[in-house]
C-alpha cells in the first residue's frame, strides 16, 4: 500500500538592531519548508521538497534598494530507488560532491554499483546569492568513489562551468576517509584549479582515541588565494574587491586534545599556527573546561590567546563563559565573550570587545515553539549595541494512505 507523508516547518523571525549610521532595523523573515513523500510497496519513494524565504522591513531598509525581498532556496522533485541508493533529483537543489558545493537549477543522479563503487553526476544552471553578481551560466560535474565500509572511502571529482561559450571554472579534486584501526580516523581533500594551473587547497585531519576518555587530533591545511578564489560565485570573496592579496597563501597546522575526567566533566585544549607568504604568522591557543548532564544543563569556561606577529594581526586574549539549562518545556542559555586587546590604538582606542547573549525558548507543544535572543555588545564600531531576535516555529505533518484515510502525526 502506497502512503504519502506531507510535512513542513515555518520559522517566523523578527530581528531588531541598528546600522553603523544609527538607522533602526526591524526586518521580519519568514522561512517555509515543505516536503511530500510517497513510498511504494517495493521500498522506493517519490518526493517533492520546497523551501524559501521572504523579508519585509518594518522600519529602515535592511538592504540598499528595497523594503522587501524573497528567494526560493530549493525546490526539486526526487526519486529514491529501493536498491543501490539510487537517487535522481530535478530542480533547484544544493549539490555537495567532492569539489562541488553548488546550488543549481538542474539534474542530479547518484547510484551505487558492485564491488564498492559509487558514482554521481550533475548538470544545470548555477544560482548565486547575489543576483547582480556576474558568473557562470552552465555547470556540470561528478564524483566517482570506491569504498570498503569499515576501512576507507576514496573519491575523485571534477567540476566544469561556462559563461556563455567561454570556460569559467575548471576544478578537480580527491577526497579520502581512512580507518586503518578502530581508534584512528583520517579525512581530507585536495582541490586543483585547471584554469590557474595551481592547487587551490589541501586539507587533512587525523583523530586518534588511545582511550575511550581521551581524544587527540592533528589537522593541516594550505590555501592559495589566487587559485582558491579564482572566479568565486560569492561577490564578498572576490579578489577584485581588493581586500585579499591574490599572491597570498596560508598554511595552518593545529592540534586538539580532549579528556573526559568523569562522565560529565571534560577538559580540552587546542592550538593553531598560521604561516603566511606575505603577512606575518600568528598563533592561537587555549583551553576549555565543561560540565554537562545531557538534557538537563551544561556550563563551561574557555581561555584563548591570539598572538599575531604583524601589524595586521591583532594580539588579544579571549575569555568565554557559557551555560545552558533545561527547565521543563523551557530552555535557557547564556554566553559571555570578552576580548582584551594588547594594543588599543590599533582598535580605535578600544581596550576590549565584549558580547553577552541571553537566549530562551519555550515549547508549547511538539508543533509550536517560541524563542527569543538578546545580544549586548561593546566593540570598536559600537560603544553600546543591543540586538534582539524573536522566533516562532511551527511544525506540521500528515499521512495520507492510498485508500483515502487521513491521520495526523503530531
Protein backbone atom coordinates (compact mmCIF):
# COMPACT_ATOMS: atom_id res chain seq x y z
CA UNK A 1 0.00 0.00 0.00
CA UNK A 2 1.42 3.38 -1.04
CA UNK A 3 1.49 6.10 1.57
CA UNK A 4 2.01 9.86 1.32
CA UNK A 5 3.50 11.96 4.10
CA UNK A 6 3.31 15.75 3.95
CA UNK A 7 5.42 17.70 6.43
CA UNK A 8 6.62 21.24 6.84
CA UNK A 9 8.19 23.84 9.05
CA UNK A 10 7.52 27.55 9.35
CA UNK A 11 10.02 29.89 11.06
CA UNK A 12 8.94 33.49 11.58
CA UNK A 13 11.83 35.66 12.75
CA UNK A 14 11.84 39.30 13.82
CA UNK A 15 15.28 40.92 14.14
CA UNK A 16 15.96 44.22 15.93
CA UNK A 17 19.14 46.29 15.65
CA UNK A 18 20.89 49.35 14.26
CA UNK A 19 23.29 50.10 11.43
CA UNK A 20 26.59 51.96 11.84
CA UNK A 21 24.66 55.07 10.77
CA UNK A 22 22.23 54.52 13.67
CA UNK A 23 19.31 53.58 11.43
CA UNK A 24 16.79 51.31 13.14
CA UNK A 25 16.29 47.92 11.52
CA UNK A 26 13.26 45.70 12.20
CA UNK A 27 13.14 43.12 9.40
CA UNK A 28 10.63 40.27 9.55
CA UNK A 29 11.67 37.00 7.92
CA UNK A 30 9.52 34.03 7.03
CA UNK A 31 11.25 30.72 6.25
CA UNK A 32 8.99 27.99 4.94
CA UNK A 33 9.94 24.37 4.15
CA UNK A 34 7.55 21.78 2.73
CA UNK A 35 8.02 18.11 1.83
CA UNK A 36 5.69 15.50 0.38
CA UNK A 37 6.93 11.89 0.22
CA UNK A 38 5.12 8.93 -1.35
CA UNK A 39 6.55 5.45 -0.79
CA UNK A 40 5.64 2.37 -2.78
CA UNK A 41 5.37 -1.25 -1.69
CA UNK A 42 8.82 -2.07 -3.13
CA UNK A 43 10.61 0.46 -0.94
CA UNK A 44 11.09 3.22 -3.48
CA UNK A 45 9.92 6.78 -2.90
CA UNK A 46 8.99 9.89 -4.87
CA UNK A 47 9.18 13.18 -3.03
CA UNK A 48 8.82 16.91 -3.53
CA UNK A 49 10.86 19.38 -1.46
CA UNK A 50 10.37 23.15 -1.46
CA UNK A 51 11.99 25.80 0.71
CA UNK A 52 12.14 29.57 0.54
CA UNK A 53 12.16 32.80 2.49
CA UNK A 54 10.68 36.28 2.36
CA UNK A 55 11.60 39.51 4.14
CA UNK A 56 9.73 42.68 4.95
CA UNK A 57 11.15 45.74 6.75
CA UNK A 58 9.08 47.45 9.45
CA UNK A 59 11.50 50.42 9.75
CA UNK A 60 14.53 51.38 7.64
CA UNK A 61 15.54 49.27 4.66
CA UNK A 62 17.79 46.38 5.66
CA UNK A 63 19.09 46.17 2.09
CA UNK A 64 20.25 49.01 -0.11
CA UNK A 65 17.40 49.28 -2.55
CA UNK A 66 14.25 47.61 -1.23
CA UNK A 67 11.99 47.07 1.77
CA UNK A 68 11.08 43.53 0.73
CA UNK A 69 12.92 40.56 -0.70
CA UNK A 70 12.33 36.85 -1.29
CA UNK A 71 14.06 33.81 -2.71
CA UNK A 72 13.46 30.13 -3.37
CA UNK A 73 16.31 28.29 -1.66
CA UNK A 74 15.42 24.90 -3.10
CA UNK A 75 12.60 23.20 -4.94
CA UNK A 76 13.12 19.80 -6.50
CA UNK A 77 11.44 16.50 -7.30
CA UNK A 78 13.31 13.42 -6.09
CA UNK A 79 13.17 9.70 -6.77
CA UNK A 80 14.76 7.30 -4.25
CA UNK A 81 15.22 3.78 -5.57
CA UNK A 82 14.72 0.72 -3.41
CA UNK A 83 18.15 -0.63 -4.31
CA UNK A 84 21.72 0.67 -4.71
CA UNK A 85 20.93 4.03 -3.09
CA UNK A 86 19.66 5.30 -6.44
CA UNK A 87 18.80 9.00 -6.25
CA UNK A 88 17.51 11.23 -9.04
CA UNK A 89 16.79 14.90 -8.25
CA UNK A 90 15.44 17.50 -10.67
CA UNK A 91 15.03 21.19 -9.83
CA UNK A 92 16.74 23.76 -7.62
CA UNK A 93 18.99 21.96 -5.16
CA UNK A 94 22.29 22.14 -3.30
CA UNK A 95 24.94 19.70 -4.56
CA UNK A 96 27.82 18.52 -2.37
CA UNK A 97 30.00 16.09 -4.29
CA UNK A 98 33.77 16.33 -3.89
CA UNK A 99 34.91 19.67 -5.33
CA UNK A 100 31.30 20.76 -5.85
CA UNK A 101 29.40 22.72 -3.22
CA UNK A 102 26.95 24.32 -5.60
CA UNK A 103 23.33 25.46 -5.67
CA UNK A 104 21.90 24.95 -9.14
CA UNK A 105 18.75 24.54 -11.19
CA UNK A 106 19.27 21.19 -12.83
CA UNK A 107 19.61 17.43 -12.57
CA UNK A 108 21.48 15.22 -10.09
CA UNK A 109 21.90 11.43 -10.28
CA UNK A 110 23.68 9.09 -7.87
CA UNK A 111 23.93 5.29 -7.72
CA UNK A 112 25.98 2.56 -6.02
CA UNK A 113 27.47 -0.24 -8.10
CA UNK A 114 29.06 -3.61 -7.46
CA UNK A 115 32.41 -4.12 -5.70
CA UNK A 116 32.14 -0.92 -3.63
CA UNK A 117 32.00 1.60 -6.49
CA UNK A 118 29.65 4.60 -6.50
CA UNK A 119 29.11 7.45 -8.96
CA UNK A 120 27.28 10.78 -9.02
CA UNK A 121 26.76 13.35 -11.77
CA UNK A 122 25.06 16.74 -12.05
CA UNK A 123 24.40 19.49 -14.57
CA UNK A 124 22.42 22.70 -14.67
CA UNK A 125 22.43 26.46 -14.29
CA UNK A 126 24.14 27.85 -11.15
CA UNK A 127 22.10 30.08 -8.85
CA UNK A 128 24.02 32.79 -6.98
CA UNK A 129 23.26 34.53 -3.70
CA UNK A 130 23.76 37.95 -5.30
CA UNK A 131 21.59 38.18 -8.44
CA UNK A 132 23.56 41.13 -9.88
CA UNK A 133 26.90 39.35 -9.50
CA UNK A 134 28.08 38.04 -12.86
CA UNK A 135 29.20 34.47 -13.12
CA UNK A 136 28.78 31.20 -14.96
CA UNK A 137 25.53 30.10 -16.54
CA UNK A 138 26.09 26.36 -17.05
CA UNK A 139 27.87 23.85 -14.83
CA UNK A 140 28.36 20.09 -14.83
CA UNK A 141 30.48 17.58 -12.99
CA UNK A 142 30.53 14.46 -10.91
CA UNK A 143 32.31 12.16 -8.49
CA UNK A 144 33.41 8.52 -8.61
CA UNK A 145 34.32 6.73 -5.39
CA UNK A 146 35.34 3.35 -4.06
CA UNK A 147 34.70 2.15 -0.52
CA UNK A 148 35.36 -0.68 1.86
CA UNK A 149 32.78 0.14 4.51
CA UNK A 150 34.95 -0.42 7.57
CA UNK A 151 38.28 0.80 6.23
CA UNK A 152 38.22 3.53 3.60
CA UNK A 153 36.47 5.67 1.00
CA UNK A 154 38.37 7.45 -1.75
CA UNK A 155 36.73 9.75 -4.27
CA UNK A 156 37.76 11.59 -7.43
CA UNK A 157 35.63 14.52 -8.57
CA UNK A 158 35.54 17.26 -11.18
CA UNK A 159 33.53 20.39 -11.98
CA UNK A 160 33.44 22.48 -15.14
CA UNK A 161 31.36 25.56 -15.93
CA UNK A 162 30.90 28.08 -18.72
CA UNK A 163 29.97 31.73 -19.03
CA UNK A 164 28.30 31.95 -22.42
CA UNK A 165 30.76 29.93 -24.54
CA UNK A 166 33.94 30.56 -22.55
CA UNK A 167 35.42 28.40 -19.78
CA UNK A 168 34.63 29.89 -16.37
CA UNK A 169 35.62 27.27 -13.77
CA UNK A 170 37.53 24.00 -14.01
CA UNK A 171 38.27 22.18 -10.76
CA UNK A 172 39.34 18.65 -9.92
CA UNK A 173 39.82 17.00 -6.56
CA UNK A 174 40.44 13.94 -4.48
CA UNK A 175 38.88 13.18 -1.07
CA UNK A 176 39.64 10.40 1.38
CA UNK A 177 38.40 8.77 4.56
CA UNK A 178 40.62 6.12 6.14
CA UNK A 179 40.22 3.98 9.24
CA UNK A 180 43.36 1.85 9.50
CA UNK A 181 42.43 0.84 13.05
CA UNK A 182 39.28 1.17 15.14
CA UNK A 183 40.61 4.23 17.00
CA UNK A 184 42.19 6.17 14.11
CA UNK A 185 40.35 8.27 11.51
CA UNK A 186 41.97 10.15 8.62
CA UNK A 187 39.93 12.58 6.49
CA UNK A 188 40.96 15.13 3.90
CA UNK A 189 40.77 16.52 0.42
CA UNK A 190 42.90 18.28 -2.21
CA UNK A 191 41.49 20.54 -4.93
CA UNK A 192 43.19 21.67 -8.16
CA UNK A 193 42.28 24.63 -10.43
CA UNK A 194 42.92 23.81 -14.09
CA UNK A 195 42.39 27.40 -15.22
CA UNK A 196 45.14 28.80 -12.98
CA UNK A 197 47.20 25.58 -13.04
CA UNK A 198 47.56 25.56 -9.27
CA UNK A 199 46.41 23.74 -6.16
CA UNK A 200 43.52 25.56 -4.53
CA UNK A 201 43.55 23.75 -1.20
CA UNK A 202 44.95 20.84 0.76
CA UNK A 203 43.14 20.00 3.99
CA UNK A 204 43.71 16.88 6.12
CA UNK A 205 42.92 15.79 9.68
CA UNK A 206 43.83 12.81 11.86
CA UNK A 207 41.95 11.82 15.00
CA UNK A 208 43.22 9.24 17.49
CA UNK A 209 41.50 7.83 20.57
CA UNK A 210 44.01 5.81 22.60
CA UNK A 211 41.44 5.61 25.41
CA UNK A 212 37.67 5.95 25.48
CA UNK A 213 38.15 9.09 27.60
CA UNK A 214 40.96 10.64 25.53
CA UNK A 215 40.73 12.08 22.02
CA UNK A 216 43.66 13.60 20.11
CA UNK A 217 43.65 15.35 16.77
CA UNK A 218 46.02 16.93 14.25
CA UNK A 219 44.96 18.99 11.25
CA UNK A 220 46.86 20.74 8.47
CA UNK A 221 45.63 22.88 5.58
CA UNK A 222 47.12 25.05 2.85
CA UNK A 223 45.16 27.57 0.77
CA UNK A 224 46.48 29.56 -2.21
CA UNK A 225 44.30 32.66 -2.60
CA UNK A 226 44.89 33.11 -6.35
CA UNK A 227 43.76 29.58 -7.14
CA UNK A 228 41.15 29.17 -4.40
CA UNK A 229 39.33 32.46 -5.02
CA UNK A 230 39.59 32.49 -8.80
CA UNK A 231 36.11 33.27 -10.12
CA UNK A 232 34.28 32.60 -6.89
CA UNK A 233 30.49 32.77 -7.01
CA UNK A 234 30.16 34.99 -3.91
CA UNK A 235 30.99 38.66 -4.50
CA UNK A 236 32.24 39.19 -0.93
CA UNK A 237 35.15 36.81 -1.61
CA UNK A 238 36.12 38.26 -4.98
CA UNK A 239 39.79 39.24 -5.34
CA UNK A 240 38.61 42.20 -7.42
CA UNK A 241 37.38 43.90 -4.24
CA UNK A 242 40.99 44.48 -3.18
CA UNK A 243 40.50 43.09 0.34
CA UNK A 244 42.61 39.97 -0.17
CA UNK A 245 46.05 39.83 -1.79
CA UNK A 246 45.92 37.27 -4.65
CA UNK A 247 49.62 36.46 -4.08
CA UNK A 248 48.94 35.36 -0.52
CA UNK A 249 48.73 31.80 0.76
CA UNK A 250 48.24 30.43 4.27
CA UNK A 251 49.46 27.23 5.89
CA UNK A 252 47.61 26.22 9.05
CA UNK A 253 48.82 23.49 11.41
CA UNK A 254 46.94 22.65 14.58
CA UNK A 255 46.19 20.10 17.23
CA UNK A 256 43.47 19.31 19.76
CA UNK A 257 43.20 17.19 22.89
CA UNK A 258 40.10 16.32 24.89
CA UNK A 259 39.97 14.28 28.10
CA UNK A 260 36.84 13.16 29.94
CA UNK A 261 37.81 13.36 33.62
CA UNK A 262 34.41 11.94 34.55
CA UNK A 263 31.26 11.12 32.62
CA UNK A 264 30.20 14.77 32.89
CA UNK A 265 33.47 16.74 33.23
CA UNK A 266 35.68 17.35 30.16
CA UNK A 267 38.99 19.18 29.72
CA UNK A 268 40.11 20.29 26.25
CA UNK A 269 42.98 22.19 24.68
CA UNK A 270 43.72 23.38 21.15
CA UNK A 271 46.49 25.09 19.19
CA UNK A 272 46.78 26.55 15.66
CA UNK A 273 49.75 28.14 13.92
CA UNK A 274 49.16 30.30 10.83
CA UNK A 275 52.01 30.85 8.34
CA UNK A 276 51.50 33.38 5.52
CA UNK A 277 53.68 34.01 2.46
CA UNK A 278 53.27 37.79 2.74
CA UNK A 279 51.71 38.64 6.08
CA UNK A 280 53.43 37.56 9.26
CA UNK A 281 52.29 34.49 11.12
CA UNK A 282 50.10 34.05 14.17
CA UNK A 283 49.40 31.54 16.93
CA UNK A 284 46.02 30.80 18.50
CA UNK A 285 45.88 28.52 21.53
CA UNK A 286 43.93 27.86 24.71
CA UNK A 287 41.79 25.50 26.70
CA UNK A 288 38.27 24.76 27.86
CA UNK A 289 36.61 23.04 30.79
CA UNK A 290 32.96 21.99 30.58
CA UNK A 291 30.45 20.14 32.72
CA UNK A 292 27.41 18.58 31.07
CA UNK A 293 24.45 16.49 32.11
CA UNK A 294 22.62 15.64 28.87
CA UNK A 295 19.07 17.01 28.57
CA UNK A 296 19.47 18.97 31.83
CA UNK A 297 22.23 21.57 31.77
CA UNK A 298 25.70 22.42 30.51
CA UNK A 299 28.28 25.00 31.58
CA UNK A 300 31.88 25.83 30.88
CA UNK A 301 34.69 28.32 30.57
CA UNK A 302 37.38 28.77 27.94
CA UNK A 303 40.50 30.92 27.69
CA UNK A 304 42.37 31.53 24.42
CA UNK A 305 45.20 33.69 23.18
CA UNK A 306 45.74 35.13 19.69
CA UNK A 307 49.39 36.06 19.30
CA UNK A 308 49.99 37.73 15.92
CA UNK A 309 53.42 38.86 14.74
CA UNK A 310 52.48 41.54 12.21
CA UNK A 311 50.75 44.90 12.24
CA UNK A 312 47.62 43.45 10.66
CA UNK A 313 47.45 40.59 13.13
CA UNK A 314 45.81 41.56 16.38
CA UNK A 315 47.13 40.38 19.72
CA UNK A 316 44.41 39.67 22.21
CA UNK A 317 43.24 37.39 25.00
CA UNK A 318 39.82 35.78 24.71
CA UNK A 319 37.65 34.74 27.66
CA UNK A 320 34.34 32.92 27.37
CA UNK A 321 31.78 31.67 29.91
CA UNK A 322 28.71 29.74 28.76
CA UNK A 323 25.81 27.92 30.37
CA UNK A 324 22.51 26.36 29.36
CA UNK A 325 19.66 24.90 31.40
CA UNK A 326 16.52 22.95 30.57
CA UNK A 327 13.53 23.60 32.83
CA UNK A 328 10.58 21.50 31.76
CA UNK A 329 9.49 22.84 28.39
CA UNK A 330 11.78 25.87 28.64
CA UNK A 331 15.42 26.18 27.54
CA UNK A 332 17.68 28.94 28.83
CA UNK A 333 21.20 29.84 27.68
CA UNK A 334 23.80 32.49 28.47
CA UNK A 335 27.04 33.19 26.61
CA UNK A 336 29.67 35.79 27.57
CA UNK A 337 32.76 36.56 25.42
CA UNK A 338 35.36 39.21 26.13
CA UNK A 339 38.43 40.10 24.05
CA UNK A 340 41.25 42.10 25.66
CA UNK A 341 43.48 43.78 23.05
CA UNK A 342 47.18 44.31 23.69
CA UNK A 343 47.23 47.49 21.60
CA UNK A 344 44.07 49.56 21.91
CA UNK A 345 45.40 52.18 19.45
CA UNK A 346 45.06 49.70 16.64
CA UNK A 347 41.43 49.12 17.64
CA UNK A 348 40.15 52.72 17.67
CA UNK A 349 41.34 53.18 21.28
CA UNK A 350 39.08 50.35 22.44
CA UNK A 351 40.80 48.14 25.01
CA UNK A 352 38.33 45.27 24.81
CA UNK A 353 35.32 43.94 22.94
CA UNK A 354 32.51 42.27 24.83
CA UNK A 355 29.47 40.29 23.77
CA UNK A 356 26.72 38.90 26.02
CA UNK A 357 23.97 36.75 24.56
CA UNK A 358 20.93 35.57 26.52
CA UNK A 359 18.57 33.13 24.82
CA UNK A 360 15.39 31.37 25.84
CA UNK A 361 12.74 29.21 24.22
CA UNK A 362 9.52 27.53 25.25
CA UNK A 363 7.87 24.52 23.63
CA UNK A 364 4.10 24.88 23.94
CA UNK A 365 3.50 21.64 22.01
CA UNK A 366 5.54 19.37 19.77
CA UNK A 367 4.42 21.58 16.89
CA UNK A 368 4.72 25.07 18.38
CA UNK A 369 7.81 26.69 19.85
CA UNK A 370 8.76 30.31 20.56
CA UNK A 371 12.21 31.69 21.30
CA UNK A 372 13.97 34.99 21.95
CA UNK A 373 17.59 36.20 21.92
CA UNK A 374 19.03 39.42 23.32
CA UNK A 375 22.61 40.39 22.47
CA UNK A 376 24.58 43.21 24.06
CA UNK A 377 27.99 44.14 22.70
CA UNK A 378 30.71 46.74 23.03
CA UNK A 379 33.27 46.85 20.22
CA UNK A 380 35.27 49.25 18.00
CA UNK A 381 32.14 50.03 15.96
CA UNK A 382 29.63 50.49 18.81
CA UNK A 383 30.12 51.77 22.34
CA UNK A 384 26.90 50.04 23.30
CA UNK A 385 24.86 47.90 20.92
CA UNK A 386 21.73 45.91 21.67
CA UNK A 387 20.24 43.47 19.18
CA UNK A 388 17.22 41.25 19.58
CA UNK A 389 15.51 38.34 17.86
CA UNK A 390 12.11 36.69 18.20
CA UNK A 391 11.44 33.33 16.56
CA UNK A 392 8.19 31.41 16.19
CA UNK A 393 8.49 27.84 14.87
CA UNK A 394 5.54 25.74 13.74
CA UNK A 395 5.83 22.11 12.60
CA UNK A 396 3.18 20.02 10.90
CA UNK A 397 2.92 16.63 9.23
CA UNK A 398 0.15 14.41 7.93
CA UNK A 399 -0.16 10.94 6.43
CA UNK A 400 -2.49 10.04 3.58
CA UNK A 401 -2.96 6.32 2.80
CA UNK A 402 -3.90 5.05 -0.62
CA UNK A 403 -7.49 4.25 0.46
CA UNK A 404 -8.06 7.90 1.29
CA UNK A 405 -7.69 7.83 5.10
CA UNK A 406 -6.08 10.91 6.64
CA UNK A 407 -4.40 10.92 10.04
CA UNK A 408 -2.45 13.44 11.97
CA UNK A 409 1.09 12.73 13.17
CA UNK A 410 1.98 15.09 15.95
